[in-house]
Amino acid sequence: MPNWSNTVPTAAIKHGYDLRRTPPDRPLRAIITCNELLGCYTHWWTGRTIPCETPNCEACAENQPARWHAYTSCFDPKTHEVFIFECTANAARALEHYFNSFGTLRGCLITATRPKRRRNAKIEILTQPADLSNLNLPRPPDLTKALAIIWQIPGNAIDTTDHVRGAPLVKLRKNIMDKTRDPADNGNGQPPTPKPESLTP
């Protein structure tokens, strides 16, 4: 039976979280709610961002470039919105340093900017402990499930047990049986090259 109502709901029902990147014209300020970042290689493929599925990755097979991105759950203290923040590996160094200093990212106030004020300009992130004395920081969402919704893949399909260059690799479980990897890593920010036999259908 439908649940009818004569009033407009106060907030829209959301099954996922917004993905936000650093805007070119203003700072992004938020408080991180998760304990540590989650990162993976992604491709711009078929008109959208998808996670790299090395060693059986269709985008890799078509020589589509991949980039590593970091993801954290964030809380906007002004609007009280929770969202997923995405940044590049270089920008994430500031988060890595904060984590190494404090043992967690939770409660870290970030100010992310693009000093050159262009959409794809380099990102700079300043970090400091947030004043939580008058703020009840929400519990962090499950980042893998949140990203699964954003990437339009089943939530239970994501596996983070494998690592590439020391960082978690988000991959789909349908490829988990094939653990073949190319040990060569040229350090250019690309995932390991799939072996030729992994490219055959």
Protein backbone atom coordinates (compact mmCIF):
# COMPACT_ATOMS: atom_id res chain seq x y z
CA MET A 1 0.00 0.00 0.00
CA PRO A 2 1.26 3.51 -0.77
CA ASN A 3 2.04 5.78 2.17
CA TRP A 4 0.03 8.83 1.17
CA SER A 5 0.67 12.28 2.63
CA ASN A 6 -0.99 15.70 2.46
CA THR A 7 2.23 17.54 3.27
CA VAL A 8 5.52 17.99 1.47
CA PRO A 9 8.40 16.09 3.12
CA THR A 10 10.95 18.27 4.91
CA ALA A 11 13.86 16.61 3.11
CA ALA A 12 14.21 14.49 0.03
CA ILE A 13 14.85 10.80 0.57
CA LYS A 14 18.37 9.99 -0.52
CA HIS A 15 19.85 6.57 -1.05
CA GLY A 16 23.35 7.84 -1.63
CA TYR A 17 25.71 10.73 -1.09
CA ASP A 18 26.82 13.53 -3.35
CA LEU A 19 30.34 13.35 -4.72
CA ARG A 20 32.13 16.68 -4.47
CA ARG A 21 35.40 17.92 -5.89
CA THR A 22 37.22 21.14 -5.13
CA PRO A 23 35.45 23.98 -6.98
CA PRO A 24 37.61 26.41 -8.98
CA ASP A 25 36.19 29.64 -7.60
CA ARG A 26 35.87 29.10 -3.85
CA PRO A 27 37.30 27.00 -1.03
CA LEU A 28 35.67 23.76 0.03
CA ARG A 29 35.60 23.55 3.83
CA ALA A 30 34.41 20.45 5.63
CA ILE A 31 35.16 18.11 8.51
CA ILE A 32 36.17 14.55 7.70
CA THR A 33 34.02 11.93 9.42
CA CYS A 34 35.83 8.72 8.43
CA ASN A 35 38.91 7.37 10.17
CA GLU A 36 40.99 6.91 7.02
CA LEU A 37 40.76 7.59 3.32
CA LEU A 38 39.83 5.05 0.68
CA GLY A 39 41.46 5.25 -2.72
CA CYS A 40 41.52 3.51 -6.06
CA TYR A 41 42.37 3.93 -9.71
CA THR A 42 39.54 5.10 -11.94
CA HIS A 43 38.92 5.58 -15.65
CA TRP A 44 36.76 8.03 -17.56
CA TRP A 45 35.03 5.40 -19.66
CA THR A 46 31.80 5.32 -21.68
CA GLY A 47 30.89 8.79 -20.49
CA ARG A 48 31.35 8.27 -16.76
CA THR A 49 33.90 7.47 -14.06
CA ILE A 50 34.36 3.77 -13.28
CA PRO A 51 36.81 1.95 -10.99
CA CYS A 52 39.74 0.22 -12.65
CA GLU A 53 39.25 -3.56 -12.62
CA THR A 54 42.81 -4.66 -13.28
CA PRO A 55 43.84 -7.28 -14.32
CA ASN A 56 40.61 -7.81 -16.35
CA CYS A 57 39.78 -4.20 -17.10
CA GLU A 58 38.05 -3.29 -20.36
CA ALA A 59 39.19 0.34 -20.11
CA CYS A 60 42.82 -0.74 -19.59
CA ALA A 61 42.52 -3.07 -22.58
CA GLU A 62 41.57 -0.04 -24.69
CA ASN A 63 44.55 1.92 -23.32
CA GLN A 64 42.33 4.34 -21.46
CA PRO A 65 44.39 6.32 -18.89
CA ALA A 66 43.73 5.71 -15.21
CA ARG A 67 44.23 8.03 -12.27
CA TRP A 68 44.29 7.31 -8.56
CA HIS A 69 41.81 9.24 -6.43
CA ALA A 70 41.25 9.45 -2.69
CA TYR A 71 37.81 9.50 -1.12
CA THR A 72 36.71 10.61 2.33
CA SER A 73 33.33 11.18 3.91
CA CYS A 74 32.84 14.78 4.97
CA PHE A 75 30.45 16.91 7.00
CA ASP A 76 29.64 20.50 6.10
CA PRO A 77 29.30 22.34 9.44
CA LYS A 78 27.26 25.14 7.81
CA THR A 79 24.64 23.05 5.99
CA HIS A 80 25.04 19.83 8.05
CA GLU A 81 25.23 17.88 4.80
CA VAL A 82 27.28 14.68 4.55
CA PHE A 83 29.04 14.08 1.24
CA ILE A 84 31.92 12.20 -0.35
CA PHE A 85 35.00 14.28 -1.13
CA GLU A 86 37.26 13.25 -4.02
CA CYS A 87 40.80 14.48 -4.57
CA THR A 88 43.92 13.49 -6.48
CA ALA A 89 46.87 11.57 -5.11
CA ASN A 90 49.00 14.70 -4.83
CA ALA A 91 46.32 16.57 -2.88
CA ALA A 92 45.79 13.55 -0.63
CA ARG A 93 49.37 13.85 0.68
CA ALA A 94 48.08 16.44 3.14
CA LEU A 95 45.51 13.94 4.41
CA GLU A 96 48.19 11.27 4.65
CA HIS A 97 50.38 13.59 6.72
CA TYR A 98 47.48 14.42 9.05
CA PHE A 99 46.68 10.74 9.49
CA ASN A 100 50.31 9.95 10.32
CA SER A 101 50.32 12.75 12.89
CA PHE A 102 46.99 12.05 14.62
CA GLY A 103 46.27 8.39 13.81
CA THR A 104 42.89 9.22 12.28
CA LEU A 105 41.27 11.60 9.81
CA ARG A 106 38.05 11.88 11.77
CA GLY A 107 37.64 15.41 13.07
CA CYS A 108 40.07 16.88 10.55
CA LEU A 109 38.93 20.25 9.18
CA ILE A 110 39.98 20.57 5.55
CA THR A 111 40.14 23.65 3.36
CA ALA A 112 40.59 22.62 -0.27
CA THR A 113 41.32 25.24 -2.91
CA ARG A 114 42.52 25.61 -6.50
CA PRO A 115 44.92 28.59 -6.32
CA LYS A 116 44.93 29.03 -10.11
CA ARG A 117 41.11 29.10 -10.06
CA ARG A 118 40.68 26.72 -12.98
CA ARG A 119 38.50 23.63 -13.03
CA ASN A 120 41.37 21.16 -13.45
CA ALA A 121 44.03 23.21 -11.65
CA LYS A 122 46.18 21.74 -8.91
CA ILE A 123 44.44 21.28 -5.56
CA GLU A 124 45.88 22.42 -2.24
CA ILE A 125 44.48 21.09 1.02
CA LEU A 126 45.09 22.68 4.42
CA THR A 127 44.31 20.53 7.46
CA GLN A 128 43.79 21.24 11.15
CA PRO A 129 41.86 19.65 14.02
CA ALA A 130 38.29 20.91 14.03
CA ASP A 131 36.67 22.41 17.11
CA LEU A 132 34.13 19.73 18.00
CA SER A 133 33.17 21.15 21.40
CA ASN A 134 29.75 22.29 20.16
CA LEU A 135 29.35 19.87 17.29
CA ASN A 136 28.04 16.31 17.18
CA LEU A 137 29.97 14.79 14.28
CA PRO A 138 27.86 12.17 12.46
CA ARG A 139 29.00 8.60 12.05
CA PRO A 140 30.79 7.94 8.76
CA PRO A 141 28.96 6.12 5.98
CA ASP A 142 30.30 2.95 4.41
CA LEU A 143 32.53 4.48 1.73
CA THR A 144 32.61 1.40 -0.49
CA LYS A 145 28.81 1.18 -0.56
CA ALA A 146 28.50 4.92 -1.14
CA LEU A 147 30.91 4.76 -4.07
CA ALA A 148 29.11 1.70 -5.45
CA ILE A 149 25.92 3.78 -5.67
CA ILE A 150 27.77 6.65 -7.34
CA TRP A 151 29.45 4.27 -9.82
CA GLN A 152 26.18 2.37 -10.37
CA ILE A 153 27.54 -1.03 -9.42
CA PRO A 154 26.22 -3.52 -6.83
CA GLY A 155 27.32 -2.63 -3.31
CA ASN A 156 28.38 -6.19 -2.54
CA ALA A 157 30.49 -6.35 -5.70
CA ILE A 158 33.31 -4.20 -4.33
CA ASP A 159 36.39 -5.84 -2.87
CA THR A 160 39.24 -3.93 -1.19
CA THR A 161 41.50 -6.81 -0.16
CA ASP A 162 44.02 -6.23 -2.96
CA HIS A 163 46.49 -3.36 -3.00
CA VAL A 164 48.35 -1.49 -5.73
CA ARG A 165 51.55 0.31 -4.69
CA GLY A 166 50.47 0.09 -1.05
CA ALA A 167 47.02 1.63 -1.56
CA PRO A 168 43.66 -0.16 -1.42
CA LEU A 169 42.39 -1.20 -4.82
CA VAL A 170 38.63 -1.04 -5.27
CA LYS A 171 37.72 -3.81 -7.68
CA LEU A 172 34.70 -5.88 -8.58
CA ARG A 173 34.36 -9.34 -7.10
CA LYS A 174 33.55 -10.86 -10.49
CA ASN A 175 37.28 -10.61 -11.24
CA ILE A 176 38.55 -11.65 -7.84
CA MET A 177 39.44 -15.19 -8.93
CA ASP A 178 42.13 -13.88 -11.28
CA LYS A 179 44.97 -12.65 -9.10
CA THR A 180 47.50 -12.39 -11.95
CA ARG A 181 49.40 -9.14 -11.76
CA ASP A 182 52.28 -7.52 -13.57
CA PRO A 183 54.92 -6.82 -10.91
CA ALA A 184 56.40 -4.03 -13.04
CA ASP A 185 55.39 -0.59 -11.86
CA ASN A 186 56.86 2.37 -13.69
CA GLY A 187 55.75 4.82 -10.99
CA ASN A 188 53.77 7.02 -13.37
CA GLY A 189 50.54 6.84 -11.36
CA GLN A 190 49.08 4.14 -13.59
CA PRO A 191 47.87 0.73 -12.37
CA PRO A 192 49.98 -2.30 -13.30
CA THR A 193 49.64 -3.31 -16.95
CA PRO A 194 47.34 -6.34 -17.39
CA LYS A 195 49.03 -9.44 -18.75
CA PRO A 196 48.11 -10.18 -22.40
CA GLU A 197 46.16 -13.31 -21.54
CA SER A 198 43.85 -11.31 -19.27
CA LEU A 199 42.68 -9.26 -22.25
CA THR A 200 41.11 -12.18 -24.10
CA PRO A 201 37.32 -12.52 -23.70
